[in-house]
Amino acid sequence: MEPVMAVVVGALFAASVYMMLRRSIVKLVIGLILLSNAANLLIFTVSGLTRGAPPLIPEGLEVPPDAWADPLPQALILTAIVIGFGVLAFAVVLIHRAYEVVGEDDMDQMRSTDT
């Protein structure tokens, strides 16, 4: 499962870089969303994919049993999702305001209005 996830993460990173290099500011934000999702999947993949195992150590044991899920990457991903949503909301509002002022979503056209 890890090799498949590695290919998916690589494809998401490649697509996000491609989208962020476009001139449209909307495509820039879509690339930013893809980048945050790729980073989240990368953290999940690197931490190890354990299916059906709880992130708990049974009472009386000092070390975890053979199969257990690490709760730290899950907590990091939940935090990253919330931060990513906040950045996305801010970017959408910023794009909307910039489009109202300039009337274009092309970054080259926006640059020419910086007089």
N, C-alpha and C. Protein backbone atom coordinates (compact mmCIF):
# COMPACT_ATOMS: atom_id res chain seq x y z
N MET A 1 0.82 -1.20 0.00
CA MET A 1 0.00 0.00 0.00
C MET A 1 0.87 1.27 0.00
N GLU A 2 2.03 1.20 0.66
CA GLU A 2 2.89 2.37 0.72
C GLU A 2 3.41 2.81 -0.65
N PRO A 3 3.80 1.87 -1.54
CA PRO A 3 4.25 2.34 -2.87
C PRO A 3 3.15 3.06 -3.66
N VAL A 4 1.92 2.59 -3.53
CA VAL A 4 0.82 3.26 -4.22
C VAL A 4 0.61 4.66 -3.65
N MET A 5 0.67 4.76 -2.34
CA MET A 5 0.50 6.07 -1.71
C MET A 5 1.65 7.00 -2.07
N ALA A 6 2.86 6.46 -2.22
CA ALA A 6 4.00 7.29 -2.62
C ALA A 6 3.80 7.85 -4.01
N VAL A 7 3.25 7.04 -4.92
CA VAL A 7 2.97 7.52 -6.28
C VAL A 7 1.88 8.59 -6.25
N VAL A 8 0.85 8.38 -5.43
CA VAL A 8 -0.24 9.36 -5.32
C VAL A 8 0.28 10.67 -4.75
N VAL A 9 1.11 10.60 -3.72
CA VAL A 9 1.68 11.81 -3.12
C VAL A 9 2.55 12.55 -4.13
N GLY A 10 3.37 11.80 -4.87
CA GLY A 10 4.20 12.42 -5.89
C GLY A 10 3.38 13.08 -6.98
N ALA A 11 2.30 12.42 -7.40
CA ALA A 11 1.43 13.01 -8.42
C ALA A 11 0.75 14.28 -7.90
N LEU A 12 0.32 14.26 -6.64
CA LEU A 12 -0.31 15.45 -6.07
C LEU A 12 0.68 16.61 -5.95
N PHE A 13 1.92 16.32 -5.54
CA PHE A 13 2.93 17.36 -5.47
C PHE A 13 3.22 17.93 -6.86
N ALA A 14 3.34 17.05 -7.85
CA ALA A 14 3.61 17.51 -9.22
C ALA A 14 2.46 18.37 -9.75
N ALA A 15 1.23 17.93 -9.51
CA ALA A 15 0.07 18.69 -9.97
C ALA A 15 -0.02 20.03 -9.25
N SER A 16 0.31 20.05 -7.97
CA SER A 16 0.23 21.31 -7.23
C SER A 16 1.28 22.31 -7.70
N VAL A 17 2.50 21.83 -7.97
CA VAL A 17 3.54 22.74 -8.47
C VAL A 17 3.14 23.26 -9.85
N TYR A 18 2.61 22.38 -10.69
CA TYR A 18 2.17 22.80 -12.03
C TYR A 18 1.07 23.88 -11.93
N MET A 19 0.11 23.66 -11.04
CA MET A 19 -0.98 24.63 -10.90
C MET A 19 -0.49 25.95 -10.32
N MET A 20 0.47 25.90 -9.41
CA MET A 20 0.96 27.14 -8.81
C MET A 20 1.83 27.95 -9.76
N LEU A 21 2.35 27.33 -10.81
CA LEU A 21 3.16 28.06 -11.78
C LEU A 21 2.33 28.69 -12.90
N ARG A 22 1.03 28.49 -12.89
CA ARG A 22 0.15 29.11 -13.89
C ARG A 22 -0.04 30.58 -13.56
N ARG A 23 -0.52 31.36 -14.53
CA ARG A 23 -0.66 32.80 -14.32
C ARG A 23 -1.97 33.17 -13.64
N SER A 24 -2.93 32.29 -13.63
CA SER A 24 -4.22 32.59 -13.00
C SER A 24 -4.12 32.44 -11.49
N ILE A 25 -4.67 33.40 -10.79
CA ILE A 25 -4.59 33.35 -9.33
C ILE A 25 -5.52 32.29 -8.75
N VAL A 26 -6.59 31.95 -9.47
CA VAL A 26 -7.47 30.87 -9.03
C VAL A 26 -6.74 29.53 -9.09
N LYS A 27 -5.96 29.33 -10.16
CA LYS A 27 -5.17 28.10 -10.27
C LYS A 27 -4.08 28.05 -9.20
N LEU A 28 -3.59 29.19 -8.80
CA LEU A 28 -2.62 29.24 -7.71
C LEU A 28 -3.22 28.71 -6.42
N VAL A 29 -4.44 29.11 -6.13
CA VAL A 29 -5.09 28.65 -4.90
C VAL A 29 -5.43 27.16 -4.99
N ILE A 30 -5.84 26.69 -6.17
CA ILE A 30 -6.09 25.26 -6.34
C ILE A 30 -4.81 24.47 -6.12
N GLY A 31 -3.69 24.99 -6.62
CA GLY A 31 -2.40 24.35 -6.37
C GLY A 31 -2.04 24.34 -4.90
N LEU A 32 -2.38 25.41 -4.19
CA LEU A 32 -2.12 25.47 -2.76
C LEU A 32 -2.94 24.42 -2.01
N ILE A 33 -4.18 24.22 -2.42
CA ILE A 33 -5.02 23.19 -1.80
C ILE A 33 -4.44 21.81 -2.06
N LEU A 34 -4.03 21.56 -3.32
CA LEU A 34 -3.43 20.26 -3.64
C LEU A 34 -2.14 20.04 -2.86
N LEU A 35 -1.36 21.10 -2.67
CA LEU A 35 -0.11 20.98 -1.92
C LEU A 35 -0.37 20.60 -0.46
N SER A 36 -1.37 21.21 0.15
CA SER A 36 -1.66 20.87 1.54
C SER A 36 -2.19 19.44 1.66
N ASN A 37 -3.00 19.00 0.70
CA ASN A 37 -3.48 17.62 0.73
C ASN A 37 -2.34 16.64 0.50
N ALA A 38 -1.41 16.98 -0.39
CA ALA A 38 -0.26 16.10 -0.62
C ALA A 38 0.61 16.00 0.63
N ALA A 39 0.80 17.11 1.32
CA ALA A 39 1.60 17.08 2.55
C ALA A 39 0.91 16.23 3.62
N ASN A 40 -0.41 16.33 3.73
CA ASN A 40 -1.15 15.51 4.69
C ASN A 40 -1.01 14.03 4.36
N LEU A 41 -1.16 13.67 3.10
CA LEU A 41 -1.00 12.27 2.70
C LEU A 41 0.44 11.79 2.92
N LEU A 42 1.40 12.67 2.73
CA LEU A 42 2.79 12.30 2.96
C LEU A 42 3.02 11.97 4.44
N ILE A 43 2.47 12.77 5.32
CA ILE A 43 2.62 12.49 6.76
C ILE A 43 1.96 11.17 7.12
N PHE A 44 0.78 10.90 6.56
CA PHE A 44 0.12 9.62 6.82
C PHE A 44 0.94 8.45 6.30
N THR A 45 1.49 8.59 5.11
CA THR A 45 2.24 7.50 4.51
C THR A 45 3.54 7.23 5.26
N VAL A 46 4.24 8.29 5.64
CA VAL A 46 5.51 8.11 6.34
C VAL A 46 5.29 7.52 7.74
N SER A 47 4.19 7.87 8.37
CA SER A 47 3.94 7.36 9.72
C SER A 47 3.57 5.89 9.73
N GLY A 48 3.26 5.32 8.58
CA GLY A 48 2.89 3.90 8.52
C GLY A 48 1.39 3.75 8.54
N LEU A 49 0.91 2.98 7.60
CA LEU A 49 -0.52 2.76 7.49
C LEU A 49 -0.90 1.49 8.24
N THR A 50 -1.52 1.64 9.39
CA THR A 50 -1.95 0.51 10.20
C THR A 50 -3.47 0.49 10.18
N ARG A 51 -4.02 -0.60 9.65
CA ARG A 51 -5.48 -0.69 9.55
C ARG A 51 -6.04 -1.54 10.70
N GLY A 52 -7.11 -1.06 11.28
CA GLY A 52 -7.84 -1.83 12.27
C GLY A 52 -7.19 -1.93 13.63
N ALA A 53 -6.15 -1.18 13.89
CA ALA A 53 -5.49 -1.23 15.19
C ALA A 53 -5.76 0.08 15.93
N PRO A 54 -6.14 -0.01 17.19
CA PRO A 54 -6.42 1.23 17.93
C PRO A 54 -5.13 1.92 18.36
N PRO A 55 -5.18 3.24 18.56
CA PRO A 55 -3.99 3.96 19.02
C PRO A 55 -3.87 3.94 20.55
N LEU A 56 -4.15 2.80 21.15
CA LEU A 56 -4.16 2.69 22.60
C LEU A 56 -3.23 1.56 23.06
N ILE A 57 -2.68 1.71 24.25
CA ILE A 57 -1.91 0.65 24.88
C ILE A 57 -2.81 0.04 25.96
N PRO A 58 -3.05 -1.26 25.90
CA PRO A 58 -3.93 -1.87 26.90
C PRO A 58 -3.39 -1.68 28.31
N GLU A 59 -4.31 -1.66 29.27
CA GLU A 59 -3.93 -1.45 30.67
C GLU A 59 -3.08 -2.62 31.16
N GLY A 60 -2.04 -2.30 31.84
CA GLY A 60 -1.16 -3.32 32.37
C GLY A 60 0.07 -3.56 31.52
N LEU A 61 0.08 -3.08 30.29
CA LEU A 61 1.25 -3.24 29.42
C LEU A 61 2.06 -1.95 29.41
N GLU A 62 3.37 -2.09 29.37
CA GLU A 62 4.23 -0.91 29.29
C GLU A 62 4.63 -0.58 27.86
N VAL A 63 4.57 -1.57 27.00
CA VAL A 63 4.88 -1.35 25.58
C VAL A 63 3.64 -1.70 24.77
N PRO A 64 3.48 -1.08 23.62
CA PRO A 64 2.29 -1.39 22.81
C PRO A 64 2.36 -2.80 22.23
N PRO A 65 1.21 -3.38 21.92
CA PRO A 65 1.20 -4.70 21.29
C PRO A 65 1.75 -4.62 19.87
N ASP A 66 1.72 -5.72 19.16
CA ASP A 66 2.32 -5.78 17.83
C ASP A 66 1.72 -4.75 16.87
N ALA A 67 0.42 -4.70 16.76
CA ALA A 67 -0.22 -3.76 15.82
C ALA A 67 -0.88 -2.64 16.62
N TRP A 68 -0.42 -1.43 16.36
CA TRP A 68 -1.03 -0.26 16.99
C TRP A 68 -0.83 0.93 16.07
N ALA A 69 -1.75 1.86 16.13
CA ALA A 69 -1.69 3.06 15.29
C ALA A 69 -1.12 4.21 16.11
N ASP A 70 -0.21 4.96 15.50
CA ASP A 70 0.40 6.10 16.17
C ASP A 70 -0.57 7.29 16.12
N PRO A 71 -1.01 7.83 17.25
CA PRO A 71 -1.99 8.92 17.23
C PRO A 71 -1.38 10.28 16.89
N LEU A 72 -0.06 10.44 16.98
CA LEU A 72 0.55 11.75 16.73
C LEU A 72 0.36 12.23 15.29
N PRO A 73 0.61 11.40 14.26
CA PRO A 73 0.36 11.89 12.90
C PRO A 73 -1.10 12.23 12.65
N GLN A 74 -2.00 11.51 13.28
CA GLN A 74 -3.42 11.81 13.12
C GLN A 74 -3.74 13.18 13.71
N ALA A 75 -3.18 13.49 14.85
CA ALA A 75 -3.40 14.80 15.46
C ALA A 75 -2.77 15.90 14.61
N LEU A 76 -1.58 15.65 14.07
CA LEU A 76 -0.94 16.63 13.19
C LEU A 76 -1.77 16.89 11.94
N ILE A 77 -2.33 15.84 11.37
CA ILE A 77 -3.14 15.99 10.16
C ILE A 77 -4.42 16.77 10.46
N LEU A 78 -5.06 16.49 11.59
CA LEU A 78 -6.26 17.26 11.94
C LEU A 78 -5.94 18.74 12.11
N THR A 79 -4.82 19.04 12.73
CA THR A 79 -4.41 20.43 12.87
C THR A 79 -4.11 21.06 11.52
N ALA A 80 -3.43 20.31 10.65
CA ALA A 80 -3.10 20.82 9.32
C ALA A 80 -4.35 21.05 8.48
N ILE A 81 -5.37 20.22 8.64
CA ILE A 81 -6.62 20.41 7.90
C ILE A 81 -7.29 21.72 8.32
N VAL A 82 -7.32 21.99 9.61
CA VAL A 82 -7.94 23.22 10.10
C VAL A 82 -7.16 24.44 9.62
N ILE A 83 -5.84 24.40 9.70
CA ILE A 83 -5.03 25.52 9.23
C ILE A 83 -5.17 25.70 7.73
N GLY A 84 -5.20 24.60 6.98
CA GLY A 84 -5.38 24.67 5.54
C GLY A 84 -6.72 25.27 5.16
N PHE A 85 -7.77 24.94 5.91
CA PHE A 85 -9.08 25.52 5.63
C PHE A 85 -9.08 27.02 5.90
N GLY A 86 -8.40 27.44 6.96
CA GLY A 86 -8.30 28.88 7.23
C GLY A 86 -7.55 29.63 6.15
N VAL A 87 -6.45 29.04 5.68
CA VAL A 87 -5.68 29.67 4.59
C VAL A 87 -6.52 29.72 3.32
N LEU A 88 -7.26 28.65 3.04
CA LEU A 88 -8.12 28.62 1.86
C LEU A 88 -9.20 29.69 1.93
N ALA A 89 -9.84 29.84 3.08
CA ALA A 89 -10.88 30.86 3.23
C ALA A 89 -10.30 32.26 3.03
N PHE A 90 -9.13 32.52 3.61
CA PHE A 90 -8.49 33.81 3.43
C PHE A 90 -8.14 34.05 1.97
N ALA A 91 -7.60 33.04 1.29
CA ALA A 91 -7.22 33.19 -0.11
C ALA A 91 -8.43 33.44 -1.00
N VAL A 92 -9.53 32.77 -0.73
CA VAL A 92 -10.74 32.98 -1.54
C VAL A 92 -11.26 34.41 -1.37
N VAL A 93 -11.27 34.91 -0.15
CA VAL A 93 -11.71 36.29 0.08
C VAL A 93 -10.76 37.28 -0.58
N LEU A 94 -9.47 37.02 -0.49
CA LEU A 94 -8.48 37.89 -1.12
C LEU A 94 -8.61 37.89 -2.64
N ILE A 95 -8.83 36.73 -3.22
CA ILE A 95 -9.03 36.64 -4.68
C ILE A 95 -10.29 37.38 -5.10
N HIS A 96 -11.36 37.21 -4.34
CA HIS A 96 -12.61 37.89 -4.67
C HIS A 96 -12.43 39.41 -4.64
N ARG A 97 -11.76 39.89 -3.62
CA ARG A 97 -11.54 41.34 -3.52
C ARG A 97 -10.62 41.85 -4.64
N ALA A 98 -9.58 41.09 -4.95
CA ALA A 98 -8.68 41.49 -6.02
C ALA A 98 -9.39 41.48 -7.37
N TYR A 99 -10.28 40.53 -7.58
CA TYR A 99 -11.02 40.49 -8.83
C TYR A 99 -12.00 41.66 -8.92
N GLU A 100 -12.60 42.05 -7.79
CA GLU A 100 -13.49 43.21 -7.81
C GLU A 100 -12.74 44.49 -8.16
N VAL A 101 -11.54 44.65 -7.64
CA VAL A 101 -10.76 45.87 -7.87
C VAL A 101 -10.17 45.90 -9.27
N VAL A 102 -9.53 44.80 -9.68
CA VAL A 102 -8.80 44.80 -10.95
C VAL A 102 -9.67 44.35 -12.11
N GLY A 103 -10.55 43.39 -11.87
CA GLY A 103 -11.39 42.86 -12.93
C GLY A 103 -10.72 41.75 -13.73
N GLU A 104 -9.58 41.26 -13.29
CA GLU A 104 -8.83 40.18 -13.96
C GLU A 104 -8.36 39.19 -12.91
N ASP A 105 -8.16 37.95 -13.35
CA ASP A 105 -7.52 36.99 -12.45
C ASP A 105 -6.14 36.60 -12.95
N ASP A 106 -5.69 37.23 -14.03
CA ASP A 106 -4.36 36.98 -14.57
C ASP A 106 -3.35 37.80 -13.79
N MET A 107 -2.31 37.15 -13.29
CA MET A 107 -1.35 37.86 -12.45
C MET A 107 -0.55 38.91 -13.22
N ASP A 108 -0.32 38.68 -14.49
CA ASP A 108 0.38 39.69 -15.29
C ASP A 108 -0.47 40.96 -15.44
N GLN A 109 -1.75 40.80 -15.61
CA GLN A 109 -2.65 41.95 -15.69
C GLN A 109 -2.74 42.68 -14.35
N MET A 110 -2.70 41.94 -13.26
CA MET A 110 -2.73 42.57 -11.93
C MET A 110 -1.46 43.36 -11.70
N ARG A 111 -0.34 42.87 -12.18
CA ARG A 111 0.93 43.55 -11.98
C ARG A 111 0.96 44.89 -12.72
N SER A 112 0.29 44.96 -13.85
CA SER A 112 0.31 46.20 -14.64
C SER A 112 -0.54 47.30 -14.01
N THR A 113 -1.35 46.98 -13.02
CA THR A 113 -2.18 47.99 -12.35
C THR A 113 -1.54 48.51 -11.08
N ASP A 114 -0.26 48.23 -10.83
CA ASP A 114 0.44 48.63 -9.61
C ASP A 114 1.03 50.03 -9.70
N THR A 115 0.42 50.93 -10.39
CA THR A 115 0.99 52.27 -10.55
C THR A 115 0.80 53.12 -9.34
